[in-house]
Amino acid sequence: MHSEKFEKVKRFFILKVWNEVRVRNAVKMNWITDEEFTEITGKEF
């Protein structure tokens, strides 16, 4: 099960509305987990 805002963050990243830095900030704001960051970006947090 993913965080509540996972799909939103993932969609923004895929559509290039958000870059990797914005997704990283979503982790810091507890919108997504660091594991979800890796799932979205393919990079380690």
C-alpha atoms as a PDB file:
ATOM      1  CA  MET A   1       0.000   0.000   0.000  1.00  0.00           C
ATOM      2  CA  HIS A   2       1.290   3.441  -0.923  1.00  0.00           C
ATOM      3  CA  SER A   3       1.123   6.776   0.861  1.00  0.00           C
ATOM      4  CA  GLU A   4      -1.972   8.896   0.288  1.00  0.00           C
ATOM      5  CA  LYS A   5      -0.195  11.296  -2.081  1.00  0.00           C
ATOM      6  CA  PHE A   6       1.965   8.705  -3.883  1.00  0.00           C
ATOM      7  CA  GLU A   7      -0.082   8.641  -7.104  1.00  0.00           C
ATOM      8  CA  LYS A   8      -0.198  12.446  -7.267  1.00  0.00           C
ATOM      9  CA  VAL A   9       3.579  12.788  -6.823  1.00  0.00           C
ATOM     10  CA  LYS A  10       4.236   9.978  -9.317  1.00  0.00           C
ATOM     11  CA  ARG A  11       1.943  11.554 -11.907  1.00  0.00           C
ATOM     12  CA  PHE A  12       3.599  14.969 -11.515  1.00  0.00           C
ATOM     13  CA  PHE A  13       7.039  13.372 -11.956  1.00  0.00           C
ATOM     14  CA  ILE A  14       6.005  11.336 -15.022  1.00  0.00           C
ATOM     15  CA  LEU A  15       4.428  14.407 -16.647  1.00  0.00           C
ATOM     16  CA  LYS A  16       7.619  16.356 -15.837  1.00  0.00           C
ATOM     17  CA  VAL A  17       5.650  18.882 -13.789  1.00  0.00           C
ATOM     18  CA  TRP A  18       7.956  17.992 -10.898  1.00  0.00           C
ATOM     19  CA  ASN A  19      11.661  17.189 -11.074  1.00  0.00           C
ATOM     20  CA  GLU A  20      13.644  14.905  -8.772  1.00  0.00           C
ATOM     21  CA  VAL A  21      14.218  17.729  -6.261  1.00  0.00           C
ATOM     22  CA  ARG A  22      10.461  18.280  -5.866  1.00  0.00           C
ATOM     23  CA  VAL A  23       9.912  14.545  -5.332  1.00  0.00           C
ATOM     24  CA  ARG A  24      12.730  14.551  -2.746  1.00  0.00           C
ATOM     25  CA  ASN A  25      10.979  17.441  -0.981  1.00  0.00           C
ATOM     26  CA  ALA A  26       7.757  15.396  -0.927  1.00  0.00           C
ATOM     27  CA  VAL A  27       9.635  12.836   1.199  1.00  0.00           C
ATOM     28  CA  LYS A  28      10.820  15.565   3.574  1.00  0.00           C
ATOM     29  CA  MET A  29       7.209  16.768   3.927  1.00  0.00           C
ATOM     30  CA  ASN A  30       6.087  13.185   4.697  1.00  0.00           C
ATOM     31  CA  TRP A  31       3.916  13.018   1.565  1.00  0.00           C
ATOM     32  CA  ILE A  32       5.739   9.855   0.418  1.00  0.00           C
ATOM     33  CA  THR A  33       8.334   7.521   1.906  1.00  0.00           C
ATOM     34  CA  ASP A  34      11.957   7.228   0.846  1.00  0.00           C
ATOM     35  CA  GLU A  35      11.133   3.803  -0.622  1.00  0.00           C
ATOM     36  CA  GLU A  36       8.399   5.407  -2.717  1.00  0.00           C
ATOM     37  CA  PHE A  37      10.904   8.046  -3.861  1.00  0.00           C
ATOM     38  CA  THR A  38      13.081   5.235  -5.206  1.00  0.00           C
ATOM     39  CA  GLU A  39      10.057   3.591  -6.843  1.00  0.00           C
ATOM     40  CA  ILE A  40       9.099   6.853  -8.587  1.00  0.00           C
ATOM     41  CA  THR A  41      12.546   8.105  -9.633  1.00  0.00           C
ATOM     42  CA  GLY A  42      14.574   4.898  -9.845  1.00  0.00           C
ATOM     43  CA  LYS A  43      17.237   6.514  -7.634  1.00  0.00           C
ATOM     44  CA  GLU A  44      18.172   5.994  -3.987  1.00  0.00           C
ATOM     45  CA  PHE A  45      16.931   8.642  -1.563  1.00  0.00           C
END
